[in-house]
PDB file of N, CA and C in Angstrom:
ATOM      1  N   MET A   1       4.862  19.480  17.477  1.00  0.00           N
ATOM      2  CA  MET A   1       3.832  18.894  16.649  1.00  0.00           C
ATOM      3  C   MET A   1       3.817  17.381  16.887  1.00  0.00           C
ATOM      4  N   ARG A   2       2.659  16.847  17.185  1.00  0.00           N
ATOM      5  CA  ARG A   2       2.520  15.421  17.464  1.00  0.00           C
ATOM      6  C   ARG A   2       2.639  14.622  16.177  1.00  0.00           C
ATOM      7  N   LYS A   3       3.440  13.566  16.183  1.00  0.00           N
ATOM      8  CA  LYS A   3       3.637  12.765  14.985  1.00  0.00           C
ATOM      9  C   LYS A   3       2.981  11.397  15.079  1.00  0.00           C
ATOM     10  N   SER A   4       2.701  10.903  16.271  1.00  0.00           N
ATOM     11  CA  SER A   4       2.090   9.591  16.433  1.00  0.00           C
ATOM     12  C   SER A   4       0.577   9.775  16.493  1.00  0.00           C
ATOM     13  N   ASN A   5      -0.130   9.115  15.606  1.00  0.00           N
ATOM     14  CA  ASN A   5      -1.576   9.320  15.526  1.00  0.00           C
ATOM     15  C   ASN A   5      -2.377   8.064  15.837  1.00  0.00           C
ATOM     16  N   LYS A   6      -1.715   6.966  16.201  1.00  0.00           N
ATOM     17  CA  LYS A   6      -2.351   5.737  16.666  1.00  0.00           C
ATOM     18  C   LYS A   6      -3.527   5.304  15.802  1.00  0.00           C
ATOM     19  N   GLY A   7      -3.314   5.190  14.499  1.00  0.00           N
ATOM     20  CA  GLY A   7      -4.317   4.630  13.617  1.00  0.00           C
ATOM     21  C   GLY A   7      -5.309   5.611  13.018  1.00  0.00           C
ATOM     22  N   LYS A   8      -5.390   6.836  13.530  1.00  0.00           N
ATOM     23  CA  LYS A   8      -6.293   7.818  12.912  1.00  0.00           C
ATOM     24  C   LYS A   8      -5.732   8.212  11.556  1.00  0.00           C
ATOM     25  N   TRP A   9      -6.589   8.532  10.647  1.00  0.00           N
ATOM     26  CA  TRP A   9      -6.160   8.940   9.314  1.00  0.00           C
ATOM     27  C   TRP A   9      -5.864  10.428   9.298  1.00  0.00           C
ATOM     28  N   LEU A  10      -4.774  10.771   8.630  1.00  0.00           N
ATOM     29  CA  LEU A  10      -4.314  12.143   8.547  1.00  0.00           C
ATOM     30  C   LEU A  10      -4.034  12.531   7.107  1.00  0.00           C
ATOM     31  N   VAL A  11      -4.280  13.792   6.810  1.00  0.00           N
ATOM     32  CA  VAL A  11      -3.787  14.409   5.578  1.00  0.00           C
ATOM     33  C   VAL A  11      -2.620  15.266   6.036  1.00  0.00           C
ATOM     34  N   TYR A  12      -1.484  15.138   5.360  1.00  0.00           N
ATOM     35  CA  TYR A  12      -0.311  15.900   5.753  1.00  0.00           C
ATOM     36  C   TYR A  12       0.252  16.632   4.549  1.00  0.00           C
ATOM     37  N   VAL A  13       0.912  17.743   4.827  1.00  0.00           N
ATOM     38  CA  VAL A  13       1.505  18.556   3.769  1.00  0.00           C
ATOM     39  C   VAL A  13       2.979  18.753   4.097  1.00  0.00           C
ATOM     40  N   LEU A  14       3.822  18.477   3.107  1.00  0.00           N
ATOM     41  CA  LEU A  14       5.251  18.680   3.235  1.00  0.00           C
ATOM     42  C   LEU A  14       5.668  19.842   2.343  1.00  0.00           C
ATOM     43  N   LYS A  15       6.575  20.666   2.848  1.00  0.00           N
ATOM     44  CA  LYS A  15       7.184  21.700   2.014  1.00  0.00           C
ATOM     45  C   LYS A  15       8.546  21.165   1.617  1.00  0.00           C
ATOM     46  N   CYS A  16       8.748  20.999   0.327  1.00  0.00           N
ATOM     47  CA  CYS A  16       9.981  20.424  -0.202  1.00  0.00           C
ATOM     48  C   CYS A  16      10.884  21.530  -0.752  1.00  0.00           C
ATOM     49  N   ARG A  17      12.028  21.112  -1.265  1.00  0.00           N
ATOM     50  CA  ARG A  17      12.979  22.049  -1.875  1.00  0.00           C
ATOM     51  C   ARG A  17      12.259  22.894  -2.917  1.00  0.00           C
ATOM     52  N   LYS A  18      12.676  24.107  -3.076  1.00  0.00           N
ATOM     53  CA  LYS A  18      12.082  25.103  -3.979  1.00  0.00           C
ATOM     54  C   LYS A  18      10.633  25.434  -3.591  1.00  0.00           C
ATOM     55  N   ASN A  19      10.294  25.161  -2.322  1.00  0.00           N
ATOM     56  CA  ASN A  19       8.960  25.460  -1.777  1.00  0.00           C
ATOM     57  C   ASN A  19       7.830  24.700  -2.449  1.00  0.00           C
ATOM     58  N   TYR A  20       8.129  23.577  -3.091  1.00  0.00           N
ATOM     59  CA  TYR A  20       7.069  22.733  -3.628  1.00  0.00           C
ATOM     60  C   TYR A  20       6.314  22.087  -2.472  1.00  0.00           C
ATOM     61  N   LEU A  21       5.014  21.919  -2.646  1.00  0.00           N
ATOM     62  CA  LEU A  21       4.193  21.296  -1.620  1.00  0.00           C
ATOM     63  C   LEU A  21       3.793  19.897  -2.056  1.00  0.00           C
ATOM     64  N   TYR A  22       3.829  18.986  -1.124  1.00  0.00           N
ATOM     65  CA  TYR A  22       3.387  17.606  -1.352  1.00  0.00           C
ATOM     66  C   TYR A  22       2.298  17.314  -0.345  1.00  0.00           C
ATOM     67  N   THR A  23       1.176  16.776  -0.802  1.00  0.00           N
ATOM     68  CA  THR A  23       0.064  16.424   0.065  1.00  0.00           C
ATOM     69  C   THR A  23      -0.130  14.916   0.010  1.00  0.00           C
ATOM     70  N   GLY A  24      -0.267  14.301   1.170  1.00  0.00           N
ATOM     71  CA  GLY A  24      -0.470  12.860   1.234  1.00  0.00           C
ATOM     72  C   GLY A  24      -1.362  12.485   2.397  1.00  0.00           C
ATOM     73  N   ILE A  25      -1.696  11.183   2.484  1.00  0.00           N
ATOM     74  CA  ILE A  25      -2.490  10.688   3.604  1.00  0.00           C
ATOM     75  C   ILE A  25      -1.776   9.497   4.225  1.00  0.00           C
ATOM     76  N   THR A  26      -2.075   9.260   5.486  1.00  0.00           N
ATOM     77  CA  THR A  26      -1.490   8.128   6.193  1.00  0.00           C
ATOM     78  C   THR A  26      -2.275   7.855   7.466  1.00  0.00           C
ATOM     79  N   ASN A  27      -2.113   6.651   7.986  1.00  0.00           N
ATOM     80  CA  ASN A  27      -2.642   6.360   9.316  1.00  0.00           C
ATOM     81  C   ASN A  27      -1.488   6.076  10.282  1.00  0.00           C
ATOM     82  N   ASN A  28      -0.250   6.329   9.812  1.00  0.00           N
ATOM     83  CA  ASN A  28       0.938   6.187  10.655  1.00  0.00           C
ATOM     84  C   ASN A  28       1.952   7.244  10.194  1.00  0.00           C
ATOM     85  N   LEU A  29       1.823   8.431  10.718  1.00  0.00           N
ATOM     86  CA  LEU A  29       2.624   9.566  10.252  1.00  0.00           C
ATOM     87  C   LEU A  29       4.114   9.360  10.496  1.00  0.00           C
ATOM     88  N   GLU A  30       4.464   8.857  11.660  1.00  0.00           N
ATOM     89  CA  GLU A  30       5.883   8.650  11.971  1.00  0.00           C
ATOM     90  C   GLU A  30       6.537   7.716  10.946  1.00  0.00           C
ATOM     91  N   LYS A  31       5.867   6.625  10.638  1.00  0.00           N
ATOM     92  CA  LYS A  31       6.384   5.668   9.651  1.00  0.00           C
ATOM     93  C   LYS A  31       6.470   6.308   8.266  1.00  0.00           C
ATOM     94  N   ARG A  32       5.437   7.051   7.900  1.00  0.00           N
ATOM     95  CA  ARG A  32       5.389   7.664   6.572  1.00  0.00           C
ATOM     96  C   ARG A  32       6.507   8.702   6.403  1.00  0.00           C
ATOM     97  N   LEU A  33       6.730   9.525   7.422  1.00  0.00           N
ATOM     98  CA  LEU A  33       7.797  10.520   7.341  1.00  0.00           C
ATOM     99  C   LEU A  33       9.166   9.848   7.255  1.00  0.00           C
ATOM    100  N   LYS A  34       9.333   8.741   7.953  1.00  0.00           N
ATOM    101  CA  LYS A  34      10.587   7.992   7.864  1.00  0.00           C
ATOM    102  C   LYS A  34      10.783   7.466   6.442  1.00  0.00           C
ATOM    103  N   GLU A  35       9.710   6.948   5.833  1.00  0.00           N
ATOM    104  CA  GLU A  35       9.796   6.467   4.453  1.00  0.00           C
ATOM    105  C   GLU A  35      10.200   7.600   3.514  1.00  0.00           C
ATOM    106  N   HIS A  36       9.588   8.759   3.686  1.00  0.00           N
ATOM    107  CA  HIS A  36       9.953   9.909   2.855  1.00  0.00           C
ATOM    108  C   HIS A  36      11.422  10.273   3.055  1.00  0.00           C
ATOM    109  N   ALA A  37      11.868  10.299   4.293  1.00  0.00           N
ATOM    110  CA  ALA A  37      13.253  10.669   4.597  1.00  0.00           C
ATOM    111  C   ALA A  37      14.247   9.686   3.979  1.00  0.00           C
ATOM    112  N   GLU A  38      13.849   8.427   3.883  1.00  0.00           N
ATOM    113  CA  GLU A  38      14.707   7.389   3.299  1.00  0.00           C
ATOM    114  C   GLU A  38      14.566   7.296   1.785  1.00  0.00           C
ATOM    115  N   GLY A  39      13.724   8.144   1.196  1.00  0.00           N
ATOM    116  CA  GLY A  39      13.533   8.141  -0.247  1.00  0.00           C
ATOM    117  C   GLY A  39      12.604   7.057  -0.742  1.00  0.00           C
ATOM    118  N   ARG A  40      11.807   6.466   0.161  1.00  0.00           N
ATOM    119  CA  ARG A  40      10.891   5.392  -0.228  1.00  0.00           C
ATOM    120  C   ARG A  40       9.429   5.826  -0.213  1.00  0.00           C
ATOM    121  N   GLY A  41       9.141   7.037   0.247  1.00  0.00           N
ATOM    122  CA  GLY A  41       7.760   7.465   0.429  1.00  0.00           C
ATOM    123  C   GLY A  41       7.033   7.808  -0.854  1.00  0.00           C
ATOM    124  N   SER A  42       7.682   8.548  -1.723  1.00  0.00           N
ATOM    125  CA  SER A  42       7.088   8.913  -3.010  1.00  0.00           C
ATOM    126  C   SER A  42       8.202   9.401  -3.924  1.00  0.00           C
ATOM    127  N   LYS A  43       7.991   9.246  -5.211  1.00  0.00           N
ATOM    128  CA  LYS A  43       8.992   9.718  -6.175  1.00  0.00           C
ATOM    129  C   LYS A  43       9.141  11.229  -6.103  1.00  0.00           C
ATOM    130  N   PHE A  44       8.030  11.927  -5.917  1.00  0.00           N
ATOM    131  CA  PHE A  44       8.062  13.392  -5.861  1.00  0.00           C
ATOM    132  C   PHE A  44       8.934  13.871  -4.708  1.00  0.00           C
ATOM    133  N   VAL A  45       8.666  13.383  -3.514  1.00  0.00           N
ATOM    134  CA  VAL A  45       9.427  13.831  -2.351  1.00  0.00           C
ATOM    135  C   VAL A  45      10.885  13.403  -2.474  1.00  0.00           C
ATOM    136  N   ARG A  46      11.119  12.215  -2.995  1.00  0.00           N
ATOM    137  CA  ARG A  46      12.498  11.762  -3.190  1.00  0.00           C
ATOM    138  C   ARG A  46      13.259  12.731  -4.091  1.00  0.00           C
ATOM    139  N   ALA A  47      12.602  13.223  -5.133  1.00  0.00           N
ATOM    140  CA  ALA A  47      13.237  14.133  -6.085  1.00  0.00           C
ATOM    141  C   ALA A  47      13.424  15.541  -5.518  1.00  0.00           C
ATOM    142  N   TRP A  48      12.598  15.937  -4.552  1.00  0.00           N
ATOM    143  CA  TRP A  48      12.617  17.311  -4.067  1.00  0.00           C
ATOM    144  C   TRP A  48      12.970  17.421  -2.585  1.00  0.00           C
ATOM    145  N   ARG A  49      13.696  16.422  -2.067  1.00  0.00           N
ATOM    146  CA  ARG A  49      14.185  16.515  -0.684  1.00  0.00           C
ATOM    147  C   ARG A  49      15.194  17.639  -0.570  1.00  0.00           C
ATOM    148  N   PRO A  50      15.412  18.202   0.585  1.00  0.00           N
ATOM    149  CA  PRO A  50      14.798  17.852   1.866  1.00  0.00           C
ATOM    150  C   PRO A  50      13.379  18.399   1.976  1.00  0.00           C
ATOM    151  N   PHE A  51      12.678  17.964   2.980  1.00  0.00           N
ATOM    152  CA  PHE A  51      11.300  18.402   3.189  1.00  0.00           C
ATOM    153  C   PHE A  51      11.089  18.758   4.650  1.00  0.00           C
ATOM    154  N   GLU A  52       9.968  19.450   4.865  1.00  0.00           N
ATOM    155  CA  GLU A  52       9.577  19.860   6.218  1.00  0.00           C
ATOM    156  C   GLU A  52       8.073  19.650   6.338  1.00  0.00           C
ATOM    157  N   LEU A  53       7.631  19.051   7.408  1.00  0.00           N
ATOM    158  CA  LEU A  53       6.212  18.868   7.667  1.00  0.00           C
ATOM    159  C   LEU A  53       5.626  20.217   8.061  1.00  0.00           C
ATOM    160  N   VAL A  54       4.613  20.695   7.304  1.00  0.00           N
ATOM    161  CA  VAL A  54       4.058  22.019   7.588  1.00  0.00           C
ATOM    162  C   VAL A  54       2.603  21.989   8.037  1.00  0.00           C
ATOM    163  N   LYS A  55       1.899  20.868   7.808  1.00  0.00           N
ATOM    164  CA  LYS A  55       0.487  20.836   8.198  1.00  0.00           C
ATOM    165  C   LYS A  55       0.022  19.401   8.374  1.00  0.00           C
ATOM    166  N   ILE A  56      -0.806  19.177   9.399  1.00  0.00           N
ATOM    167  CA  ILE A  56      -1.450  17.889   9.632  1.00  0.00           C
ATOM    168  C   ILE A  56      -2.930  18.162   9.853  1.00  0.00           C
ATOM    169  N   LEU A  57      -3.770  17.447   9.121  1.00  0.00           N
ATOM    170  CA  LEU A  57      -5.219  17.565   9.284  1.00  0.00           C
ATOM    171  C   LEU A  57      -5.776  16.185   9.615  1.00  0.00           C
ATOM    172  N   SER A  58      -6.484  16.061  10.707  1.00  0.00           N
ATOM    173  CA  SER A  58      -7.033  14.786  11.154  1.00  0.00           C
ATOM    174  C   SER A  58      -8.368  14.500  10.467  1.00  0.00           C
ATOM    175  N   CYS A  59      -8.580  13.228  10.126  1.00  0.00           N
ATOM    176  CA  CYS A  59      -9.827  12.796   9.485  1.00  0.00           C
ATOM    177  C   CYS A  59     -10.381  11.589  10.226  1.00  0.00           C
ATOM    178  N   ASP A  60     -11.692  11.380  10.122  1.00  0.00           N
ATOM    179  CA  ASP A  60     -12.349  10.275  10.825  1.00  0.00           C
ATOM    180  C   ASP A  60     -12.014   8.907  10.235  1.00  0.00           C
ATOM    181  N   ASN A  61     -11.789   8.867   8.910  1.00  0.00           N
ATOM    182  CA  ASN A  61     -11.526   7.579   8.262  1.00  0.00           C
ATOM    183  C   ASN A  61     -10.761   7.794   6.963  1.00  0.00           C
ATOM    184  N   SER A  62     -10.390   6.702   6.314  1.00  0.00           N
ATOM    185  CA  SER A  62      -9.579   6.800   5.101  1.00  0.00           C
ATOM    186  C   SER A  62     -10.335   7.464   3.953  1.00  0.00           C
ATOM    187  N   THR A  63     -11.625   7.243   3.874  1.00  0.00           N
ATOM    188  CA  THR A  63     -12.418   7.851   2.803  1.00  0.00           C
ATOM    189  C   THR A  63     -12.396   9.371   2.913  1.00  0.00           C
ATOM    190  N   LYS A  64     -12.621   9.880   4.111  1.00  0.00           N
ATOM    191  CA  LYS A  64     -12.605  11.333   4.309  1.00  0.00           C
ATOM    192  C   LYS A  64     -11.211  11.900   4.067  1.00  0.00           C
ATOM    193  N   ALA A  65     -10.186  11.155   4.457  1.00  0.00           N
ATOM    194  CA  ALA A  65      -8.810  11.603   4.226  1.00  0.00           C
ATOM    195  C   ALA A  65      -8.524  11.688   2.730  1.00  0.00           C
ATOM    196  N   ARG A  66      -8.929  10.682   1.974  1.00  0.00           N
ATOM    197  CA  ARG A  66      -8.713  10.699   0.516  1.00  0.00           C
ATOM    198  C   ARG A  66      -9.467  11.849  -0.148  1.00  0.00           C
ATOM    199  N   GLN A  67     -10.690  12.108   0.310  1.00  0.00           N
ATOM    200  CA  GLN A  67     -11.478  13.206  -0.249  1.00  0.00           C
ATOM    201  C   GLN A  67     -10.823  14.557   0.032  1.00  0.00           C
ATOM    202  N   LEU A  68     -10.337  14.741   1.253  1.00  0.00           N
ATOM    203  CA  LEU A  68      -9.682  15.998   1.607  1.00  0.00           C
ATOM    204  C   LEU A  68      -8.367  16.153   0.843  1.00  0.00           C
ATOM    205  N   GLU A  69      -7.605  15.069   0.727  1.00  0.00           N
ATOM    206  CA  GLU A  69      -6.357  15.106  -0.044  1.00  0.00           C
ATOM    207  C   GLU A  69      -6.639  15.528  -1.487  1.00  0.00           C
ATOM    208  N   TYR A  70      -7.656  14.943  -2.089  1.00  0.00           N
ATOM    209  CA  TYR A  70      -8.023  15.264  -3.469  1.00  0.00           C
ATOM    210  C   TYR A  70      -8.411  16.733  -3.591  1.00  0.00           C
ATOM    211  N   LYS A  71      -9.219  17.213  -2.636  1.00  0.00           N
ATOM    212  CA  LYS A  71      -9.659  18.609  -2.643  1.00  0.00           C
ATOM    213  C   LYS A  71      -8.449  19.550  -2.576  1.00  0.00           C
ATOM    214  N   ILE A  72      -7.514  19.255  -1.689  1.00  0.00           N
ATOM    215  CA  ILE A  72      -6.328  20.099  -1.534  1.00  0.00           C
ATOM    216  C   ILE A  72      -5.469  20.063  -2.784  1.00  0.00           C
ATOM    217  N   LYS A  73      -5.272  18.887  -3.350  1.00  0.00           N
ATOM    218  CA  LYS A  73      -4.424  18.761  -4.535  1.00  0.00           C
ATOM    219  C   LYS A  73      -5.003  19.492  -5.742  1.00  0.00           C
ATOM    220  N   LYS A  74      -6.315  19.659  -5.792  1.00  0.00           N
ATOM    221  CA  LYS A  74      -6.961  20.344  -6.913  1.00  0.00           C
ATOM    222  C   LYS A  74      -6.904  21.867  -6.800  1.00  0.00           C
ATOM    223  N   MET A  75      -6.582  22.374  -5.615  1.00  0.00           N
ATOM    224  CA  MET A  75      -6.564  23.824  -5.406  1.00  0.00           C
ATOM    225  C   MET A  75      -5.368  24.472  -6.089  1.00  0.00           C
ATOM    226  N   LYS A  76      -5.567  25.701  -6.528  1.00  0.00           N
ATOM    227  CA  LYS A  76      -4.456  26.525  -6.996  1.00  0.00           C
ATOM    228  C   LYS A  76      -3.583  26.833  -5.786  1.00  0.00           C
ATOM    229  N   ARG A  77      -2.303  27.084  -6.021  1.00  0.00           N
ATOM    230  CA  ARG A  77      -1.344  27.256  -4.935  1.00  0.00           C
ATOM    231  C   ARG A  77      -1.767  28.319  -3.918  1.00  0.00           C
ATOM    232  N   ALA A  78      -2.180  29.482  -4.376  1.00  0.00           N
ATOM    233  CA  ALA A  78      -2.553  30.562  -3.456  1.00  0.00           C
ATOM    234  C   ALA A  78      -3.728  30.141  -2.566  1.00  0.00           C
ATOM    235  N   LYS A  79      -4.714  29.514  -3.149  1.00  0.00           N
ATOM    236  CA  LYS A  79      -5.881  29.045  -2.399  1.00  0.00           C
ATOM    237  C   LYS A  79      -5.473  27.946  -1.414  1.00  0.00           C
ATOM    238  N   LYS A  80      -4.586  27.063  -1.848  1.00  0.00           N
ATOM    239  CA  LYS A  80      -4.102  25.978  -0.999  1.00  0.00           C
ATOM    240  C   LYS A  80      -3.379  26.541   0.230  1.00  0.00           C
ATOM    241  N   LEU A  81      -2.491  27.510   0.020  1.00  0.00           N
ATOM    242  CA  LEU A  81      -1.769  28.121   1.139  1.00  0.00           C
ATOM    243  C   LEU A  81      -2.732  28.809   2.097  1.00  0.00           C
ATOM    244  N   GLU A  82      -3.712  29.499   1.546  1.00  0.00           N
ATOM    245  CA  GLU A  82      -4.724  30.172   2.381  1.00  0.00           C
ATOM    246  C   GLU A  82      -5.542  29.136   3.170  1.00  0.00           C
ATOM    247  N   PHE A  83      -6.017  28.107   2.498  1.00  0.00           N
ATOM    248  CA  PHE A  83      -6.826  27.050   3.119  1.00  0.00           C
ATOM    249  C   PHE A  83      -6.065  26.371   4.257  1.00  0.00           C
ATOM    250  N   LEU A  84      -4.792  26.104   4.029  1.00  0.00           N
ATOM    251  CA  LEU A  84      -3.970  25.398   5.008  1.00  0.00           C
ATOM    252  C   LEU A  84      -3.378  26.322   6.064  1.00  0.00           C
ATOM    253  N   GLY A  85      -3.445  27.632   5.826  1.00  0.00           N
ATOM    254  CA  GLY A  85      -2.877  28.589   6.767  1.00  0.00           C
ATOM    255  C   GLY A  85      -1.358  28.512   6.810  1.00  0.00           C
ATOM    256  N   ILE A  86      -0.745  28.226   5.661  1.00  0.00           N
ATOM    257  CA  ILE A  86       0.707  28.095   5.574  1.00  0.00           C
ATOM    258  C   ILE A  86       1.303  29.416   5.111  1.00  0.00           C
ATOM    259  N   LYS A  87       2.292  29.877   5.858  1.00  0.00           N
ATOM    260  CA  LYS A  87       3.013  31.095   5.496  1.00  0.00           C
ATOM    261  C   LYS A  87       4.447  30.714   5.154  1.00  0.00           C
ATOM    262  N   ASN A  88       5.154  31.601   4.513  1.00  0.00           N
ATOM    263  CA  ASN A  88       6.567  31.396   4.157  1.00  0.00           C
ATOM    264  C   ASN A  88       6.772  30.224   3.202  1.00  0.00           C
ATOM    265  N   ALA A  89       5.839  29.990   2.315  1.00  0.00           N
ATOM    266  CA  ALA A  89       5.987  28.928   1.305  1.00  0.00           C
ATOM    267  C   ALA A  89       5.797  29.559  -0.075  1.00  0.00           C
ATOM    268  N   ALA A  90       6.305  30.756  -0.251  1.00  0.00           N
ATOM    269  CA  ALA A  90       6.120  31.507  -1.492  1.00  0.00           C
ATOM    270  C   ALA A  90       6.727  30.806  -2.676  1.00  0.00           C
TER     271      ALA A  90
END
């Protein structure tokens, strides 16, 4: 899975401990994942480490990335897993 996105905006999904899902956006995925790993990325991920990157969705700009992130975060878990095509996150 490619982690360097050279400035393109991405929506990413992490599977954390107890199969919790975290959805975020970034234009530098490698840096963002490092921040999460160091406990600086978000309080949620820090509390539910370790995590695994399970999905990356590319967007044209930050506005579209924020809209997609919001849409995903509003979904019920079953719909979110179906939409993202994520398996083994029961």
